[in-house]
PDB file of all heavy atoms in Angstrom:
ATOM      1  N   LEU A   1      78.119  78.807 182.975  1.00  0.00           N
ATOM      2  CA  LEU A   1      77.653  80.011 183.657  1.00  0.00           C
ATOM      3  C   LEU A   1      76.716  80.753 182.707  1.00  0.00           C
ATOM      4  O   LEU A   1      77.152  81.472 181.806  1.00  0.00           O
ATOM      5  CB  LEU A   1      78.838  80.892 184.065  1.00  0.00           C
ATOM      6  CG  LEU A   1      79.809  80.279 185.083  1.00  0.00           C
ATOM      7  CD1 LEU A   1      80.982  81.224 185.334  1.00  0.00           C
ATOM      8  CD2 LEU A   1      79.102  79.952 186.385  1.00  0.00           C
ATOM      9  N   ASN A   2      75.433  80.566 182.911  1.00  0.00           N
ATOM     10  CA  ASN A   2      74.417  81.175 182.054  1.00  0.00           C
ATOM     11  C   ASN A   2      74.324  82.669 182.366  1.00  0.00           C
ATOM     12  O   ASN A   2      74.129  83.070 183.514  1.00  0.00           O
ATOM     13  CB  ASN A   2      73.070  80.491 182.297  1.00  0.00           C
ATOM     14  CG  ASN A   2      72.013  80.935 181.306  1.00  0.00           C
ATOM     15  OD1 ASN A   2      72.165  81.946 180.623  1.00  0.00           O
ATOM     16  ND2 ASN A   2      70.946  80.175 181.217  1.00  0.00           N
ATOM     17  N   HIS A   3      74.481  83.488 181.341  1.00  0.00           N
ATOM     18  CA  HIS A   3      74.492  84.933 181.568  1.00  0.00           C
ATOM     19  C   HIS A   3      73.160  85.441 182.096  1.00  0.00           C
ATOM     20  O   HIS A   3      73.100  86.466 182.774  1.00  0.00           O
ATOM     21  CB  HIS A   3      74.864  85.659 180.269  1.00  0.00           C
ATOM     22  CG  HIS A   3      73.820  85.552 179.191  1.00  0.00           C
ATOM     23  ND1 HIS A   3      73.699  84.456 178.372  1.00  0.00           N
ATOM     24  CD2 HIS A   3      72.835  86.428 178.813  1.00  0.00           C
ATOM     25  CE1 HIS A   3      72.708  84.646 177.522  1.00  0.00           C
ATOM     26  NE2 HIS A   3      72.161  85.829 177.771  1.00  0.00           N
ATOM     27  N   GLU A   4      72.036  84.739 181.812  1.00  0.00           N
ATOM     28  CA  GLU A   4      70.734  85.187 182.283  1.00  0.00           C
ATOM     29  C   GLU A   4      70.626  85.104 183.804  1.00  0.00           C
ATOM     30  O   GLU A   4      69.858  85.850 184.416  1.00  0.00           O
ATOM     31  CB  GLU A   4      69.632  84.348 181.635  1.00  0.00           C
ATOM     32  CG  GLU A   4      69.548  84.516 180.123  1.00  0.00           C
ATOM     33  CD  GLU A   4      68.445  83.670 179.524  1.00  0.00           C
ATOM     34  OE1 GLU A   4      67.764  82.958 180.297  1.00  0.00           O
ATOM     35  OE2 GLU A   4      68.264  83.720 178.293  1.00  0.00           O
ATOM     36  N   VAL A   5      71.386  84.213 184.418  1.00  0.00           N
ATOM     37  CA  VAL A   5      71.349  84.068 185.875  1.00  0.00           C
ATOM     38  C   VAL A   5      71.836  85.337 186.565  1.00  0.00           C
ATOM     39  O   VAL A   5      71.380  85.685 187.659  1.00  0.00           O
ATOM     40  CB  VAL A   5      72.194  82.856 186.306  1.00  0.00           C
ATOM     41  CG1 VAL A   5      72.315  82.774 187.819  1.00  0.00           C
ATOM     42  CG2 VAL A   5      71.597  81.572 185.746  1.00  0.00           C
ATOM     43  N   PHE A   6      72.744  86.056 185.906  1.00  0.00           N
ATOM     44  CA  PHE A   6      73.390  87.209 186.528  1.00  0.00           C
ATOM     45  C   PHE A   6      72.764  88.539 186.114  1.00  0.00           C
ATOM     46  O   PHE A   6      73.340  89.595 186.350  1.00  0.00           O
ATOM     47  CB  PHE A   6      74.880  87.213 186.174  1.00  0.00           C
ATOM     48  CG  PHE A   6      75.594  85.967 186.635  1.00  0.00           C
ATOM     49  CD1 PHE A   6      75.705  84.869 185.796  1.00  0.00           C
ATOM     50  CD2 PHE A   6      76.141  85.884 187.903  1.00  0.00           C
ATOM     51  CE1 PHE A   6      76.360  83.717 186.216  1.00  0.00           C
ATOM     52  CE2 PHE A   6      76.783  84.746 188.333  1.00  0.00           C
ATOM     53  CZ  PHE A   6      76.898  83.658 187.489  1.00  0.00           C
ATOM     54  N   SER A   7      71.595  88.481 185.537  1.00  0.00           N
ATOM     55  CA  SER A   7      70.945  89.724 185.088  1.00  0.00           C
ATOM     56  C   SER A   7      70.498  90.596 186.255  1.00  0.00           C
ATOM     57  O   SER A   7      70.282  91.798 186.076  1.00  0.00           O
ATOM     58  CB  SER A   7      69.742  89.383 184.202  1.00  0.00           C
ATOM     59  OG  SER A   7      68.795  88.606 184.934  1.00  0.00           O
ATOM     60  N   ASP A   8      70.350  90.022 187.453  1.00  0.00           N
ATOM     61  CA  ASP A   8      69.912  90.794 188.617  1.00  0.00           C
ATOM     62  C   ASP A   8      71.066  91.326 189.452  1.00  0.00           C
ATOM     63  O   ASP A   8      70.833  92.022 190.450  1.00  0.00           O
ATOM     64  CB  ASP A   8      69.017  89.925 189.510  1.00  0.00           C
ATOM     65  CG  ASP A   8      67.696  89.581 188.852  1.00  0.00           C
ATOM     66  OD1 ASP A   8      66.999  90.517 188.415  1.00  0.00           O
ATOM     67  OD2 ASP A   8      67.372  88.381 188.763  1.00  0.00           O
ATOM     68  N   VAL A   9      72.290  90.995 189.103  1.00  0.00           N
ATOM     69  CA  VAL A   9      73.441  91.424 189.914  1.00  0.00           C
ATOM     70  C   VAL A   9      74.458  92.142 189.016  1.00  0.00           C
ATOM     71  O   VAL A   9      75.649  91.827 189.016  1.00  0.00           O
ATOM     72  CB  VAL A   9      74.083  90.223 190.644  1.00  0.00           C
ATOM     73  CG1 VAL A   9      73.197  89.732 191.758  1.00  0.00           C
ATOM     74  CG2 VAL A   9      74.390  89.090 189.664  1.00  0.00           C
ATOM     75  N   LYS A  10      73.997  93.119 188.305  1.00  0.00           N
ATOM     76  CA  LYS A  10      74.861  93.819 187.360  1.00  0.00           C
ATOM     77  C   LYS A  10      75.901  94.700 188.044  1.00  0.00           C
ATOM     78  O   LYS A  10      76.832  95.171 187.386  1.00  0.00           O
ATOM     79  CB  LYS A  10      74.003  94.661 186.409  1.00  0.00           C
ATOM     80  CG  LYS A  10      73.122  93.815 185.506  1.00  0.00           C
ATOM     81  CD  LYS A  10      72.348  94.669 184.511  1.00  0.00           C
ATOM     82  CE  LYS A  10      71.510  93.797 183.591  1.00  0.00           C
ATOM     83  NZ  LYS A  10      70.759  94.603 182.590  1.00  0.00           N
ATOM     84  N   GLU A  11      75.748  94.944 189.341  1.00  0.00           N
ATOM     85  CA  GLU A  11      76.731  95.729 190.074  1.00  0.00           C
ATOM     86  C   GLU A  11      77.826  94.848 190.692  1.00  0.00           C
ATOM     87  O   GLU A  11      78.658  95.345 191.449  1.00  0.00           O
ATOM     88  CB  GLU A  11      76.040  96.529 191.184  1.00  0.00           C
ATOM     89  CG  GLU A  11      74.971  97.484 190.700  1.00  0.00           C
ATOM     90  CD  GLU A  11      75.560  98.579 189.822  1.00  0.00           C
ATOM     91  OE1 GLU A  11      76.664  99.058 190.151  1.00  0.00           O
ATOM     92  OE2 GLU A  11      74.918  98.953 188.826  1.00  0.00           O
ATOM     93  N   LEU A  12      77.816  93.576 190.352  1.00  0.00           N
ATOM     94  CA  LEU A  12      78.778  92.634 190.935  1.00  0.00           C
ATOM     95  C   LEU A  12      80.206  93.064 190.610  1.00  0.00           C
ATOM     96  O   LEU A  12      80.530  93.392 189.464  1.00  0.00           O
ATOM     97  CB  LEU A  12      78.518  91.233 190.389  1.00  0.00           C
ATOM     98  CG  LEU A  12      79.068  90.059 191.210  1.00  0.00           C
ATOM     99  CD1 LEU A  12      78.418  90.001 192.572  1.00  0.00           C
ATOM    100  CD2 LEU A  12      78.858  88.748 190.458  1.00  0.00           C
ATOM    101  N   GLN A  13      81.059  93.072 191.635  1.00  0.00           N
ATOM    102  CA  GLN A  13      82.455  93.465 191.465  1.00  0.00           C
ATOM    103  C   GLN A  13      83.422  92.293 191.603  1.00  0.00           C
ATOM    104  O   GLN A  13      84.525  92.351 191.059  1.00  0.00           O
ATOM    105  CB  GLN A  13      82.816  94.545 192.486  1.00  0.00           C
ATOM    106  CG  GLN A  13      82.031  95.826 192.312  1.00  0.00           C
ATOM    107  CD  GLN A  13      82.369  96.866 193.359  1.00  0.00           C
ATOM    108  OE1 GLN A  13      83.269  96.677 194.179  1.00  0.00           O
ATOM    109  NE2 GLN A  13      81.650  97.985 193.342  1.00  0.00           N
ATOM    110  N   VAL A  14      83.015  91.247 192.325  1.00  0.00           N
ATOM    111  CA  VAL A  14      83.876  90.078 192.528  1.00  0.00           C
ATOM    112  C   VAL A  14      83.074  88.829 192.208  1.00  0.00           C
ATOM    113  O   VAL A  14      82.013  88.590 192.804  1.00  0.00           O
ATOM    114  CB  VAL A  14      84.392  90.009 193.982  1.00  0.00           C
ATOM    115  CG1 VAL A  14      85.266  88.762 194.168  1.00  0.00           C
ATOM    116  CG2 VAL A  14      85.171  91.265 194.337  1.00  0.00           C
ATOM    117  N   LEU A  15      83.571  88.022 191.273  1.00  0.00           N
ATOM    118  CA  LEU A  15      82.949  86.742 190.930  1.00  0.00           C
ATOM    119  C   LEU A  15      84.017  85.667 190.989  1.00  0.00           C
ATOM    120  O   LEU A  15      85.030  85.736 190.288  1.00  0.00           O
ATOM    121  CB  LEU A  15      82.325  86.788 189.534  1.00  0.00           C
ATOM    122  CG  LEU A  15      81.783  85.446 189.014  1.00  0.00           C
ATOM    123  CD1 LEU A  15      80.667  84.925 189.929  1.00  0.00           C
ATOM    124  CD2 LEU A  15      81.294  85.566 187.579  1.00  0.00           C
ATOM    125  N   ARG A  16      83.744  84.663 191.826  1.00  0.00           N
ATOM    126  CA  ARG A  16      84.661  83.531 191.946  1.00  0.00           C
ATOM    127  C   ARG A  16      83.906  82.250 191.605  1.00  0.00           C
ATOM    128  O   ARG A  16      82.886  81.951 192.227  1.00  0.00           O
ATOM    129  CB  ARG A  16      85.231  83.445 193.369  1.00  0.00           C
ATOM    130  CG  ARG A  16      86.156  84.601 193.735  1.00  0.00           C
ATOM    131  CD  ARG A  16      86.755  84.409 195.128  1.00  0.00           C
ATOM    132  NE  ARG A  16      87.751  85.421 195.426  1.00  0.00           N
ATOM    133  CZ  ARG A  16      87.498  86.593 196.004  1.00  0.00           C
ATOM    134  NH1 ARG A  16      86.256  86.881 196.342  1.00  0.00           N
ATOM    135  NH2 ARG A  16      88.459  87.458 196.242  1.00  0.00           N
ATOM    136  N   CYS A  17      84.450  81.530 190.643  1.00  0.00           N
ATOM    137  CA  CYS A  17      83.912  80.215 190.296  1.00  0.00           C
ATOM    138  C   CYS A  17      85.094  79.277 190.061  1.00  0.00           C
ATOM    139  O   CYS A  17      85.229  78.650 189.015  1.00  0.00           O
ATOM    140  CB  CYS A  17      83.011  80.287 189.072  1.00  0.00           C
ATOM    141  SG  CYS A  17      81.959  78.821 188.893  1.00  0.00           S
ATOM    142  N   ARG A  18      85.939  79.199 191.035  1.00  0.00           N
ATOM    143  CA  ARG A  18      87.135  78.346 190.971  1.00  0.00           C
ATOM    144  C   ARG A  18      86.730  76.887 191.157  1.00  0.00           C
ATOM    145  O   ARG A  18      85.978  76.535 192.063  1.00  0.00           O
ATOM    146  CB  ARG A  18      88.121  78.780 192.050  1.00  0.00           C
ATOM    147  CG  ARG A  18      89.347  77.907 192.212  1.00  0.00           C
ATOM    148  CD  ARG A  18      90.319  78.494 193.200  1.00  0.00           C
ATOM    149  NE  ARG A  18      90.950  79.699 192.663  1.00  0.00           N
ATOM    150  CZ  ARG A  18      92.097  79.700 191.981  1.00  0.00           C
ATOM    151  NH1 ARG A  18      92.733  78.547 191.771  1.00  0.00           N
ATOM    152  NH2 ARG A  18      92.597  80.818 191.526  1.00  0.00           N
ATOM    153  N   GLY A  19      87.296  76.018 190.300  1.00  0.00           N
ATOM    154  CA  GLY A  19      87.037  74.591 190.443  1.00  0.00           C
ATOM    155  C   GLY A  19      85.607  74.192 190.150  1.00  0.00           C
ATOM    156  O   GLY A  19      85.096  73.237 190.732  1.00  0.00           O
ATOM    157  N   CYS A  20      84.945  74.894 189.226  1.00  0.00           N
ATOM    158  CA  CYS A  20      83.554  74.576 188.889  1.00  0.00           C
ATOM    159  C   CYS A  20      83.431  73.673 187.661  1.00  0.00           C
ATOM    160  O   CYS A  20      82.325  73.257 187.322  1.00  0.00           O
ATOM    161  CB  CYS A  20      82.765  75.865 188.646  1.00  0.00           C
ATOM    162  SG  CYS A  20      82.575  76.899 190.116  1.00  0.00           S
ATOM    163  N   GLY A  21      84.547  73.399 186.973  1.00  0.00           N
ATOM    164  CA  GLY A  21      84.491  72.595 185.753  1.00  0.00           C
ATOM    165  C   GLY A  21      84.106  73.387 184.523  1.00  0.00           C
ATOM    166  O   GLY A  21      83.662  72.807 183.524  1.00  0.00           O
ATOM    167  N   VAL A  22      84.289  74.694 184.554  1.00  0.00           N
ATOM    168  CA  VAL A  22      83.916  75.553 183.422  1.00  0.00           C
ATOM    169  C   VAL A  22      84.868  75.300 182.252  1.00  0.00           C
ATOM    170  O   VAL A  22      86.084  75.408 182.396  1.00  0.00           O
ATOM    171  CB  VAL A  22      83.956  77.036 183.829  1.00  0.00           C
ATOM    172  CG1 VAL A  22      83.640  77.930 182.634  1.00  0.00           C
ATOM    173  CG2 VAL A  22      82.972  77.293 184.962  1.00  0.00           C
ATOM    174  N   ALA A  23      84.307  74.974 181.093  1.00  0.00           N
ATOM    175  CA  ALA A  23      85.113  74.703 179.900  1.00  0.00           C
ATOM    176  C   ALA A  23      85.112  75.871 178.928  1.00  0.00           C
ATOM    177  O   ALA A  23      85.999  75.962 178.069  1.00  0.00           O
ATOM    178  CB  ALA A  23      84.613  73.448 179.194  1.00  0.00           C
ATOM    179  N   ALA A  24      84.148  76.764 179.034  1.00  0.00           N
ATOM    180  CA  ALA A  24      84.077  77.914 178.131  1.00  0.00           C
ATOM    181  C   ALA A  24      83.227  79.001 178.788  1.00  0.00           C
ATOM    182  O   ALA A  24      82.382  78.717 179.640  1.00  0.00           O
ATOM    183  CB  ALA A  24      83.479  77.518 176.780  1.00  0.00           C
ATOM    184  N   VAL A  25      83.480  80.244 178.386  1.00  0.00           N
ATOM    185  CA  VAL A  25      82.691  81.369 178.871  1.00  0.00           C
ATOM    186  C   VAL A  25      82.158  82.138 177.674  1.00  0.00           C
ATOM    187  O   VAL A  25      82.794  82.216 176.627  1.00  0.00           O
ATOM    188  CB  VAL A  25      83.525  82.306 179.770  1.00  0.00           C
ATOM    189  CG1 VAL A  25      83.847  81.629 181.087  1.00  0.00           C
ATOM    190  CG2 VAL A  25      84.791  82.754 179.072  1.00  0.00           C
ATOM    191  N   ASN A  26      80.993  82.696 177.871  1.00  0.00           N
ATOM    192  CA  ASN A  26      80.331  83.443 176.814  1.00  0.00           C
ATOM    193  C   ASN A  26      80.563  84.931 177.038  1.00  0.00           C
ATOM    194  O   ASN A  26      80.470  85.423 178.163  1.00  0.00           O
ATOM    195  CB  ASN A  26      78.831  83.129 176.836  1.00  0.00           C
ATOM    196  CG  ASN A  26      78.126  83.612 175.589  1.00  0.00           C
ATOM    197  OD1 ASN A  26      78.483  84.644 175.021  1.00  0.00           O
ATOM    198  ND2 ASN A  26      77.125  82.867 175.171  1.00  0.00           N
ATOM    199  N   ARG A  27      80.845  85.638 175.969  1.00  0.00           N
ATOM    200  CA  ARG A  27      81.049  87.079 176.086  1.00  0.00           C
ATOM    201  C   ARG A  27      79.826  87.768 176.676  1.00  0.00           C
ATOM    202  O   ARG A  27      79.944  88.786 177.364  1.00  0.00           O
ATOM    203  CB  ARG A  27      81.385  87.668 174.715  1.00  0.00           C
ATOM    204  CG  ARG A  27      81.534  89.178 174.746  1.00  0.00           C
ATOM    205  CD  ARG A  27      81.952  89.740 173.418  1.00  0.00           C
ATOM    206  NE  ARG A  27      81.886  91.189 173.415  1.00  0.00           N
ATOM    207  CZ  ARG A  27      82.277  91.971 172.418  1.00  0.00           C
ATOM    208  NH1 ARG A  27      82.778  91.411 171.329  1.00  0.00           N
ATOM    209  NH2 ARG A  27      82.176  93.277 172.492  1.00  0.00           N
ATOM    210  N   SER A  28      78.650  87.200 176.461  1.00  0.00           N
ATOM    211  CA  SER A  28      77.425  87.799 177.007  1.00  0.00           C
ATOM    212  C   SER A  28      77.455  87.837 178.528  1.00  0.00           C
ATOM    213  O   SER A  28      76.878  88.738 179.143  1.00  0.00           O
ATOM    214  CB  SER A  28      76.201  87.008 176.532  1.00  0.00           C
ATOM    215  OG  SER A  28      76.124  87.014 175.122  1.00  0.00           O
ATOM    216  N   LEU A  29      78.128  86.854 179.144  1.00  0.00           N
ATOM    217  CA  LEU A  29      78.254  86.857 180.595  1.00  0.00           C
ATOM    218  C   LEU A  29      79.017  88.088 181.063  1.00  0.00           C
ATOM    219  O   LEU A  29      78.600  88.777 182.005  1.00  0.00           O
ATOM    220  CB  LEU A  29      78.967  85.584 181.057  1.00  0.00           C
ATOM    221  CG  LEU A  29      79.371  85.532 182.528  1.00  0.00           C
ATOM    222  CD1 LEU A  29      78.141  85.502 183.421  1.00  0.00           C
ATOM    223  CD2 LEU A  29      80.257  84.326 182.800  1.00  0.00           C
ATOM    224  N   PHE A  30      80.128  88.380 180.386  1.00  0.00           N
ATOM    225  CA  PHE A  30      80.934  89.531 180.788  1.00  0.00           C
ATOM    226  C   PHE A  30      80.253  90.843 180.441  1.00  0.00           C
ATOM    227  O   PHE A  30      80.493  91.863 181.094  1.00  0.00           O
ATOM    228  CB  PHE A  30      82.309  89.451 180.127  1.00  0.00           C
ATOM    229  CG  PHE A  30      83.108  88.246 180.569  1.00  0.00           C
ATOM    230  CD1 PHE A  30      84.014  87.654 179.717  1.00  0.00           C
ATOM    231  CD2 PHE A  30      82.946  87.702 181.831  1.00  0.00           C
ATOM    232  CE1 PHE A  30      84.755  86.555 180.115  1.00  0.00           C
ATOM    233  CE2 PHE A  30      83.683  86.607 182.246  1.00  0.00           C
ATOM    234  CZ  PHE A  30      84.587  86.023 181.382  1.00  0.00           C
ATOM    235  N   GLU A  31      79.401  90.840 179.438  1.00  0.00           N
ATOM    236  CA  GLU A  31      78.638  92.049 179.143  1.00  0.00           C
ATOM    237  C   GLU A  31      77.637  92.343 180.254  1.00  0.00           C
ATOM    238  O   GLU A  31      77.359  93.511 180.557  1.00  0.00           O
ATOM    239  CB  GLU A  31      77.927  91.888 177.800  1.00  0.00           C
ATOM    240  CG  GLU A  31      78.892  91.912 176.613  1.00  0.00           C
ATOM    241  CD  GLU A  31      78.186  91.659 175.297  1.00  0.00           C
ATOM    242  OE1 GLU A  31      77.014  91.214 175.331  1.00  0.00           O
ATOM    243  OE2 GLU A  31      78.811  91.879 174.235  1.00  0.00           O
ATOM    244  N   GLN A  32      77.088  91.295 180.862  1.00  0.00           N
ATOM    245  CA  GLN A  32      76.197  91.492 182.000  1.00  0.00           C
ATOM    246  C   GLN A  32      76.953  92.015 183.217  1.00  0.00           C
ATOM    247  O   GLN A  32      76.397  92.745 184.038  1.00  0.00           O
ATOM    248  CB  GLN A  32      75.521  90.161 182.383  1.00  0.00           C
ATOM    249  CG  GLN A  32      74.530  89.644 181.366  1.00  0.00           C
ATOM    250  CD  GLN A  32      73.152  90.260 181.548  1.00  0.00           C
ATOM    251  OE1 GLN A  32      72.994  91.281 182.218  1.00  0.00           O
ATOM    252  NE2 GLN A  32      72.147  89.658 180.931  1.00  0.00           N
ATOM    253  N   LEU A  33      78.239  91.636 183.340  1.00  0.00           N
ATOM    254  CA  LEU A  33      79.029  91.946 184.536  1.00  0.00           C
ATOM    255  C   LEU A  33      80.157  92.909 184.194  1.00  0.00           C
ATOM    256  O   LEU A  33      81.319  92.688 184.542  1.00  0.00           O
ATOM    257  CB  LEU A  33      79.594  90.655 185.130  1.00  0.00           C
ATOM    258  CG  LEU A  33      78.564  89.570 185.460  1.00  0.00           C
ATOM    259  CD1 LEU A  33      79.252  88.305 185.933  1.00  0.00           C
ATOM    260  CD2 LEU A  33      77.572  90.071 186.517  1.00  0.00           C
ATOM    261  N   ALA A  34      79.819  93.997 183.549  1.00  0.00           N
ATOM    262  CA  ALA A  34      80.841  94.937 183.089  1.00  0.00           C
ATOM    263  C   ALA A  34      81.544  95.652 184.233  1.00  0.00           C
ATOM    264  O   ALA A  34      82.610  96.250 184.027  1.00  0.00           O
ATOM    265  CB  ALA A  34      80.212  95.962 182.139  1.00  0.00           C
ATOM    266  N   GLU A  35      80.997  95.598 185.454  1.00  0.00           N
ATOM    267  CA  GLU A  35      81.613  96.271 186.594  1.00  0.00           C
ATOM    268  C   GLU A  35      82.585  95.376 187.363  1.00  0.00           C
ATOM    269  O   GLU A  35      83.130  95.795 188.381  1.00  0.00           O
ATOM    270  CB  GLU A  35      80.528  96.766 187.555  1.00  0.00           C
ATOM    271  CG  GLU A  35      79.543  97.742 186.946  1.00  0.00           C
ATOM    272  CD  GLU A  35      80.229  99.021 186.492  1.00  0.00           C
ATOM    273  OE1 GLU A  35      81.150  99.482 187.209  1.00  0.00           O
ATOM    274  OE2 GLU A  35      79.854  99.547 185.428  1.00  0.00           O
ATOM    275  N   LEU A  36      82.813  94.169 186.870  1.00  0.00           N
ATOM    276  CA  LEU A  36      83.689  93.235 187.586  1.00  0.00           C
ATOM    277  C   LEU A  36      85.092  93.809 187.757  1.00  0.00           C
ATOM    278  O   LEU A  36      85.692  94.338 186.817  1.00  0.00           O
ATOM    279  CB  LEU A  36      83.795  91.910 186.832  1.00  0.00           C
ATOM    280  CG  LEU A  36      82.760  90.827 187.129  1.00  0.00           C
ATOM    281  CD1 LEU A  36      83.088  89.575 186.348  1.00  0.00           C
ATOM    282  CD2 LEU A  36      82.672  90.534 188.613  1.00  0.00           C
ATOM    283  N   GLN A  37      85.612  93.669 188.967  1.00  0.00           N
ATOM    284  CA  GLN A  37      86.990  94.047 189.260  1.00  0.00           C
ATOM    285  C   GLN A  37      87.868  92.828 189.544  1.00  0.00           C
ATOM    286  O   GLN A  37      89.071  92.873 189.329  1.00  0.00           O
ATOM    287  CB  GLN A  37      87.034  95.002 190.446  1.00  0.00           C
ATOM    288  CG  GLN A  37      86.323  96.323 190.190  1.00  0.00           C
ATOM    289  CD  GLN A  37      86.444  97.273 191.359  1.00  0.00           C
ATOM    290  OE1 GLN A  37      87.265  97.097 192.254  1.00  0.00           O
ATOM    291  NE2 GLN A  37      85.614  98.311 191.364  1.00  0.00           N
ATOM    292  N   VAL A  38      87.257  91.741 190.024  1.00  0.00           N
ATOM    293  CA  VAL A  38      87.978  90.502 190.306  1.00  0.00           C
ATOM    294  C   VAL A  38      87.232  89.354 189.654  1.00  0.00           C
ATOM    295  O   VAL A  38      86.044  89.142 189.930  1.00  0.00           O
ATOM    296  CB  VAL A  38      88.108  90.257 191.827  1.00  0.00           C
ATOM    297  CG1 VAL A  38      88.825  88.930 192.086  1.00  0.00           C
ATOM    298  CG2 VAL A  38      88.840  91.402 192.502  1.00  0.00           C
ATOM    299  N   LEU A  39      87.929  88.604 188.805  1.00  0.00           N
ATOM    300  CA  LEU A  39      87.356  87.423 188.154  1.00  0.00           C
ATOM    301  C   LEU A  39      88.279  86.243 188.415  1.00  0.00           C
ATOM    302  O   LEU A  39      89.429  86.237 187.988  1.00  0.00           O
ATOM    303  CB  LEU A  39      87.201  87.657 186.649  1.00  0.00           C
ATOM    304  CG  LEU A  39      86.702  86.452 185.835  1.00  0.00           C
ATOM    305  CD1 LEU A  39      85.323  86.015 186.307  1.00  0.00           C
ATOM    306  CD2 LEU A  39      86.683  86.783 184.341  1.00  0.00           C
ATOM    307  N   ASP A  40      87.761  85.251 189.129  1.00  0.00           N
ATOM    308  CA  ASP A  40      88.550  84.065 189.474  1.00  0.00           C
ATOM    309  C   ASP A  40      87.919  82.851 188.811  1.00  0.00           C
ATOM    310  O   ASP A  40      86.863  82.362 189.235  1.00  0.00           O
ATOM    311  CB  ASP A  40      88.583  83.887 190.994  1.00  0.00           C
ATOM    312  CG  ASP A  40      89.515  82.751 191.422  1.00  0.00           C
ATOM    313  OD1 ASP A  40      90.013  82.035 190.548  1.00  0.00           O
ATOM    314  OD2 ASP A  40      89.741  82.591 192.643  1.00  0.00           O
ATOM    315  N   LEU A  41      88.583  82.361 187.754  1.00  0.00           N
ATOM    316  CA  LEU A  41      88.162  81.155 187.049  1.00  0.00           C
ATOM    317  C   LEU A  41      89.270  80.107 187.093  1.00  0.00           C
ATOM    318  O   LEU A  41      89.436  79.314 186.162  1.00  0.00           O
ATOM    319  CB  LEU A  41      87.805  81.489 185.594  1.00  0.00           C
ATOM    320  CG  LEU A  41      86.588  82.397 185.393  1.00  0.00           C
ATOM    321  CD1 LEU A  41      86.410  82.734 183.923  1.00  0.00           C
ATOM    322  CD2 LEU A  41      85.317  81.751 185.944  1.00  0.00           C
ATOM    323  N   GLY A  42      90.013  80.082 188.166  1.00  0.00           N
ATOM    324  CA  GLY A  42      91.104  79.137 188.302  1.00  0.00           C
ATOM    325  C   GLY A  42      90.620  77.712 188.484  1.00  0.00           C
ATOM    326  O   GLY A  42      89.477  77.449 188.889  1.00  0.00           O
ATOM    327  N   ASP A  43      91.500  76.754 188.170  1.00  0.00           N
ATOM    328  CA  ASP A  43      91.225  75.321 188.338  1.00  0.00           C
ATOM    329  C   ASP A  43      89.971  74.888 187.590  1.00  0.00           C
ATOM    330  O   ASP A  43      89.128  74.144 188.119  1.00  0.00           O
ATOM    331  CB  ASP A  43      91.109  74.967 189.824  1.00  0.00           C
ATOM    332  CG  ASP A  43      92.437  75.077 190.549  1.00  0.00           C
ATOM    333  OD1 ASP A  43      93.473  74.812 189.917  1.00  0.00           O
ATOM    334  OD2 ASP A  43      92.444  75.434 191.732  1.00  0.00           O
ATOM    335  N   ASN A  44      89.831  75.352 186.361  1.00  0.00           N
ATOM    336  CA  ASN A  44      88.740  74.932 185.499  1.00  0.00           C
ATOM    337  C   ASN A  44      89.302  74.227 184.261  1.00  0.00           C
ATOM    338  O   ASN A  44      90.425  73.709 184.305  1.00  0.00           O
ATOM    339  CB  ASN A  44      87.863  76.128 185.130  1.00  0.00           C
ATOM    340  CG  ASN A  44      86.917  76.511 186.260  1.00  0.00           C
ATOM    341  OD1 ASN A  44      85.998  75.775 186.595  1.00  0.00           O
ATOM    342  ND2 ASN A  44      87.157  77.675 186.866  1.00  0.00           N
ATOM    343  N   LYS A  45      88.537  74.212 183.165  1.00  0.00           N
ATOM    344  CA  LYS A  45      88.948  73.483 181.961  1.00  0.00           C
ATOM    345  C   LYS A  45      89.042  74.393 180.743  1.00  0.00           C
ATOM    346  O   LYS A  45      88.882  73.942 179.614  1.00  0.00           O
ATOM    347  CB  LYS A  45      87.958  72.349 181.686  1.00  0.00           C
ATOM    348  CG  LYS A  45      87.852  71.336 182.820  1.00  0.00           C
ATOM    349  CD  LYS A  45      86.815  70.261 182.506  1.00  0.00           C
ATOM    350  CE  LYS A  45      86.699  69.267 183.646  1.00  0.00           C
ATOM    351  NZ  LYS A  45      85.669  68.220 183.365  1.00  0.00           N
ATOM    352  N   LEU A  46      89.327  75.651 180.963  1.00  0.00           N
ATOM    353  CA  LEU A  46      89.400  76.603 179.859  1.00  0.00           C
ATOM    354  C   LEU A  46      90.619  76.313 178.996  1.00  0.00           C
ATOM    355  O   LEU A  46      91.745  76.272 179.479  1.00  0.00           O
ATOM    356  CB  LEU A  46      89.477  78.029 180.400  1.00  0.00           C
ATOM    357  CG  LEU A  46      88.246  78.535 181.164  1.00  0.00           C
ATOM    358  CD1 LEU A  46      88.534  79.878 181.795  1.00  0.00           C
ATOM    359  CD2 LEU A  46      87.044  78.618 180.234  1.00  0.00           C
ATOM    360  N   ALA A  47      90.385  76.124 177.714  1.00  0.00           N
ATOM    361  CA  ALA A  47      91.479  75.893 176.775  1.00  0.00           C
ATOM    362  C   ALA A  47      91.725  77.100 175.884  1.00  0.00           C
ATOM    363  O   ALA A  47      92.737  77.144 175.174  1.00  0.00           O
ATOM    364  CB  ALA A  47      91.178  74.665 175.907  1.00  0.00           C
ATOM    365  N   HIS A  48      90.827  78.056 175.916  1.00  0.00           N
ATOM    366  CA  HIS A  48      90.974  79.228 175.045  1.00  0.00           C
ATOM    367  C   HIS A  48      90.256  80.408 175.676  1.00  0.00           C
ATOM    368  O   HIS A  48      89.160  80.270 176.226  1.00  0.00           O
ATOM    369  CB  HIS A  48      90.379  78.931 173.661  1.00  0.00           C
ATOM    370  CG  HIS A  48      90.490  80.087 172.712  1.00  0.00           C
ATOM    371  ND1 HIS A  48      89.496  81.043 172.577  1.00  0.00           N
ATOM    372  CD2 HIS A  48      91.484  80.450 171.866  1.00  0.00           C
ATOM    373  CE1 HIS A  48      89.881  81.936 171.683  1.00  0.00           C
ATOM    374  NE2 HIS A  48      91.067  81.601 171.229  1.00  0.00           N
TER     375      HIS A  48
END
């Protein structure tokens, strides 16, 4: 999930990427989406 993709939707409150194969997330992504109220990263490959 490239944080630059979400630079135009900074008011996003709900982001779901369940079952996308995500293995890691970058803090920069969450800095772009500081207004998030619901984050669904279930069924991925996050180990940390």
